[in-house]
Amino acid sequence: MPLDEFIINIYLMVEQYYNLAVQKPLRRGGFAPKLSDAEIICMELVGEFMGMDQDKQIWQYFKNHWLSWFPNLGSYPNFVNNVLTYVL
């Protein structure tokens, strides 16, 4: 399966299961994020599948190769703040 199809499939699965599993938003307070929860989770899953074990590697990869698909990716610190929402 081509990588672009893989990313699309992962995103669609995350979106489907996220809507089933999450009853209320995971984020509390602060500014509204530019990336959706499904986008962040999708990027993390794809990055981990590709052997990237650091958030900086995942952010850099998507910034260099898939920015047109994730135009609101933003800076690395903002990406990490979004990722930490799911860890804490």
N, C-alpha and C. Protein backbone atom coordinates (compact mmCIF):
# COMPACT_ATOMS: atom_id res chain seq x y z
N MET A 1 0.85 -1.17 0.00
CA MET A 1 0.00 0.00 0.00
C MET A 1 0.90 1.24 0.00
N PRO A 2 0.63 2.17 -0.88
CA PRO A 2 1.41 3.41 -0.90
C PRO A 2 1.26 4.18 0.42
N LEU A 3 2.29 4.93 0.77
CA LEU A 3 2.30 5.64 2.04
C LEU A 3 1.15 6.63 2.17
N ASP A 4 0.80 7.32 1.10
CA ASP A 4 -0.30 8.28 1.20
C ASP A 4 -1.62 7.58 1.51
N GLU A 5 -1.85 6.41 0.93
CA GLU A 5 -3.06 5.65 1.25
C GLU A 5 -3.03 5.16 2.70
N PHE A 6 -1.86 4.77 3.17
CA PHE A 6 -1.71 4.32 4.55
C PHE A 6 -2.08 5.45 5.52
N ILE A 7 -1.56 6.65 5.26
CA ILE A 7 -1.86 7.79 6.13
C ILE A 7 -3.36 8.10 6.11
N ILE A 8 -3.97 8.07 4.95
CA ILE A 8 -5.41 8.32 4.84
C ILE A 8 -6.19 7.27 5.63
N ASN A 9 -5.83 6.00 5.47
CA ASN A 9 -6.53 4.93 6.19
C ASN A 9 -6.38 5.06 7.70
N ILE A 10 -5.18 5.38 8.15
CA ILE A 10 -4.97 5.57 9.59
C ILE A 10 -5.82 6.73 10.09
N TYR A 11 -5.82 7.83 9.35
CA TYR A 11 -6.61 9.00 9.77
C TYR A 11 -8.09 8.63 9.86
N LEU A 12 -8.61 7.95 8.87
CA LEU A 12 -10.03 7.59 8.88
C LEU A 12 -10.37 6.64 10.03
N MET A 13 -9.47 5.70 10.32
CA MET A 13 -9.71 4.80 11.45
C MET A 13 -9.68 5.56 12.78
N VAL A 14 -8.70 6.44 12.93
CA VAL A 14 -8.61 7.23 14.16
C VAL A 14 -9.87 8.07 14.33
N GLU A 15 -10.28 8.73 13.27
CA GLU A 15 -11.48 9.57 13.32
C GLU A 15 -12.71 8.75 13.73
N GLN A 16 -12.86 7.58 13.15
CA GLN A 16 -14.01 6.73 13.45
C GLN A 16 -14.00 6.27 14.91
N TYR A 17 -12.88 5.73 15.36
CA TYR A 17 -12.81 5.20 16.73
C TYR A 17 -12.77 6.31 17.78
N TYR A 18 -12.15 7.40 17.45
CA TYR A 18 -12.11 8.54 18.38
C TYR A 18 -13.53 9.02 18.67
N ASN A 19 -14.33 9.16 17.63
CA ASN A 19 -15.72 9.61 17.82
C ASN A 19 -16.54 8.61 18.62
N LEU A 20 -16.21 7.34 18.54
CA LEU A 20 -16.92 6.32 19.32
C LEU A 20 -16.45 6.30 20.78
N ALA A 21 -15.16 6.50 20.99
CA ALA A 21 -14.58 6.31 22.32
C ALA A 21 -14.59 7.56 23.20
N VAL A 22 -14.48 8.72 22.60
CA VAL A 22 -14.33 9.94 23.39
C VAL A 22 -15.68 10.64 23.52
N GLN A 23 -16.15 10.74 24.74
CA GLN A 23 -17.45 11.36 24.99
C GLN A 23 -17.35 12.87 25.18
N LYS A 24 -16.22 13.32 25.70
CA LYS A 24 -16.01 14.76 25.89
C LYS A 24 -14.59 15.08 25.43
N PRO A 25 -14.32 16.31 25.05
CA PRO A 25 -12.98 16.67 24.56
C PRO A 25 -11.89 16.34 25.58
N LEU A 26 -10.75 15.91 25.07
CA LEU A 26 -9.62 15.57 25.94
C LEU A 26 -8.90 16.82 26.43
N ARG A 27 -9.03 17.90 25.70
CA ARG A 27 -8.32 19.12 26.04
C ARG A 27 -9.19 19.98 26.95
N ARG A 28 -8.53 20.65 27.88
CA ARG A 28 -9.24 21.53 28.80
C ARG A 28 -8.58 22.89 28.80
N GLY A 29 -9.36 23.92 28.56
CA GLY A 29 -8.87 25.30 28.65
C GLY A 29 -7.81 25.64 27.63
N GLY A 30 -7.36 26.85 27.70
CA GLY A 30 -6.31 27.32 26.81
C GLY A 30 -6.82 27.65 25.42
N PHE A 31 -5.91 27.96 24.55
CA PHE A 31 -6.26 28.29 23.18
C PHE A 31 -6.68 27.05 22.43
N ALA A 32 -7.59 27.24 21.49
CA ALA A 32 -8.03 26.12 20.65
C ALA A 32 -6.86 25.70 19.75
N PRO A 33 -6.57 24.41 19.68
CA PRO A 33 -5.46 23.94 18.84
C PRO A 33 -5.82 24.04 17.37
N LYS A 34 -4.81 24.20 16.54
CA LYS A 34 -5.05 24.27 15.09
C LYS A 34 -5.18 22.89 14.47
N LEU A 35 -4.55 21.89 15.07
CA LEU A 35 -4.68 20.52 14.58
C LEU A 35 -5.77 19.81 15.38
N SER A 36 -6.51 18.98 14.69
CA SER A 36 -7.55 18.21 15.39
C SER A 36 -6.89 17.07 16.17
N ASP A 37 -7.65 16.52 17.11
CA ASP A 37 -7.16 15.37 17.87
C ASP A 37 -6.83 14.22 16.93
N ALA A 38 -7.68 13.99 15.94
CA ALA A 38 -7.47 12.90 14.99
C ALA A 38 -6.18 13.10 14.19
N GLU A 39 -5.87 14.35 13.83
CA GLU A 39 -4.64 14.62 13.08
C GLU A 39 -3.41 14.30 13.93
N ILE A 40 -3.40 14.76 15.17
CA ILE A 40 -2.26 14.51 16.06
C ILE A 40 -2.07 13.01 16.28
N ILE A 41 -3.15 12.32 16.59
CA ILE A 41 -3.05 10.88 16.86
C ILE A 41 -2.60 10.14 15.60
N CYS A 42 -3.12 10.53 14.45
CA CYS A 42 -2.72 9.92 13.17
C CYS A 42 -1.23 10.09 12.93
N MET A 43 -0.72 11.31 13.10
CA MET A 43 0.70 11.55 12.88
C MET A 43 1.56 10.75 13.83
N GLU A 44 1.15 10.65 15.08
CA GLU A 44 1.91 9.86 16.05
C GLU A 44 1.91 8.38 15.67
N LEU A 45 0.77 7.85 15.29
CA LEU A 45 0.70 6.43 14.90
C LEU A 45 1.54 6.14 13.67
N VAL A 46 1.43 6.98 12.66
CA VAL A 46 2.20 6.78 11.43
C VAL A 46 3.69 6.89 11.73
N GLY A 47 4.08 7.89 12.51
CA GLY A 47 5.49 8.06 12.86
C GLY A 47 6.04 6.86 13.61
N GLU A 48 5.29 6.39 14.59
CA GLU A 48 5.73 5.21 15.35
C GLU A 48 5.82 3.98 14.46
N PHE A 49 4.85 3.81 13.56
CA PHE A 49 4.88 2.68 12.64
C PHE A 49 6.12 2.73 11.76
N MET A 50 6.56 3.94 11.40
CA MET A 50 7.73 4.11 10.54
C MET A 50 9.04 4.08 11.32
N GLY A 51 8.96 3.79 12.63
CA GLY A 51 10.17 3.64 13.43
C GLY A 51 10.69 4.92 14.06
N MET A 52 9.90 5.97 14.03
CA MET A 52 10.31 7.23 14.65
C MET A 52 9.86 7.20 16.10
N ASP A 53 10.81 7.23 17.03
CA ASP A 53 10.45 7.11 18.44
C ASP A 53 10.51 8.43 19.20
N GLN A 54 10.75 9.51 18.49
CA GLN A 54 10.78 10.83 19.13
C GLN A 54 9.81 11.76 18.43
N ASP A 55 9.13 12.58 19.22
CA ASP A 55 8.16 13.51 18.65
C ASP A 55 8.81 14.47 17.65
N LYS A 56 10.05 14.86 17.93
CA LYS A 56 10.73 15.78 17.02
C LYS A 56 10.93 15.15 15.65
N GLN A 57 11.25 13.87 15.60
CA GLN A 57 11.40 13.17 14.32
C GLN A 57 10.07 13.15 13.57
N ILE A 58 8.99 12.87 14.29
CA ILE A 58 7.67 12.79 13.67
C ILE A 58 7.27 14.16 13.13
N TRP A 59 7.45 15.19 13.95
CA TRP A 59 7.11 16.55 13.52
C TRP A 59 7.92 16.94 12.28
N GLN A 60 9.22 16.68 12.32
CA GLN A 60 10.10 17.04 11.19
C GLN A 60 9.68 16.30 9.92
N TYR A 61 9.37 15.03 10.05
CA TYR A 61 8.96 14.24 8.89
C TYR A 61 7.69 14.81 8.25
N PHE A 62 6.68 15.07 9.07
CA PHE A 62 5.44 15.59 8.52
C PHE A 62 5.61 17.02 8.01
N LYS A 63 6.46 17.80 8.62
CA LYS A 63 6.73 19.16 8.14
C LYS A 63 7.42 19.12 6.78
N ASN A 64 8.36 18.20 6.61
CA ASN A 64 9.12 18.12 5.36
C ASN A 64 8.37 17.43 4.23
N HIS A 65 7.49 16.48 4.55
CA HIS A 65 6.90 15.65 3.50
C HIS A 65 5.38 15.79 3.35
N TRP A 66 4.68 16.17 4.38
CA TRP A 66 3.22 16.16 4.33
C TRP A 66 2.59 17.46 4.80
N LEU A 67 3.31 18.56 4.71
CA LEU A 67 2.80 19.84 5.18
C LEU A 67 1.54 20.26 4.42
N SER A 68 1.45 19.88 3.16
CA SER A 68 0.25 20.23 2.39
C SER A 68 -0.99 19.51 2.93
N TRP A 69 -0.80 18.36 3.56
CA TRP A 69 -1.92 17.62 4.15
C TRP A 69 -2.21 18.09 5.57
N PHE A 70 -1.21 18.64 6.23
CA PHE A 70 -1.35 19.13 7.60
C PHE A 70 -0.86 20.58 7.66
N PRO A 71 -1.56 21.49 6.98
CA PRO A 71 -1.07 22.87 6.86
C PRO A 71 -1.02 23.62 8.20
N ASN A 72 -1.73 23.16 9.19
CA ASN A 72 -1.73 23.82 10.50
C ASN A 72 -0.74 23.18 11.47
N LEU A 73 0.24 22.47 10.95
CA LEU A 73 1.20 21.76 11.79
C LEU A 73 1.89 22.69 12.77
N GLY A 74 2.31 23.84 12.32
CA GLY A 74 2.91 24.83 13.22
C GLY A 74 4.30 24.44 13.69
N SER A 75 4.69 25.04 14.80
CA SER A 75 6.04 24.86 15.33
C SER A 75 6.14 23.56 16.13
N TYR A 76 7.37 23.15 16.35
CA TYR A 76 7.61 21.94 17.13
C TYR A 76 7.09 22.08 18.57
N PRO A 77 7.35 23.21 19.27
CA PRO A 77 6.81 23.32 20.64
C PRO A 77 5.28 23.20 20.70
N ASN A 78 4.59 23.76 19.74
CA ASN A 78 3.13 23.63 19.73
C ASN A 78 2.71 22.18 19.46
N PHE A 79 3.43 21.50 18.59
CA PHE A 79 3.13 20.10 18.31
C PHE A 79 3.29 19.27 19.58
N VAL A 80 4.37 19.49 20.30
CA VAL A 80 4.63 18.74 21.53
C VAL A 80 3.55 19.04 22.57
N ASN A 81 3.12 20.28 22.68
CA ASN A 81 2.05 20.62 23.61
C ASN A 81 0.79 19.87 23.28
N ASN A 82 0.48 19.71 22.00
CA ASN A 82 -0.69 18.95 21.59
C ASN A 82 -0.52 17.47 21.92
N VAL A 83 0.65 16.93 21.68
CA VAL A 83 0.92 15.52 21.95
C VAL A 83 0.81 15.25 23.46
N LEU A 84 1.34 16.13 24.27
CA LEU A 84 1.31 15.93 25.72
C LEU A 84 -0.10 15.85 26.28
N THR A 85 -1.07 16.39 25.57
CA THR A 85 -2.45 16.30 26.00
C THR A 85 -2.87 14.84 26.16
N TYR A 86 -2.36 13.97 25.32
CA TYR A 86 -2.76 12.57 25.33
C TYR A 86 -1.94 11.74 26.29
N VAL A 87 -0.80 12.25 26.69
CA VAL A 87 0.08 11.52 27.60
C VAL A 87 -0.31 11.79 29.05
N LEU A 88 -0.68 13.01 29.33
CA LEU A 88 -0.95 13.40 30.73
C LEU A 88 -2.29 12.96 31.19
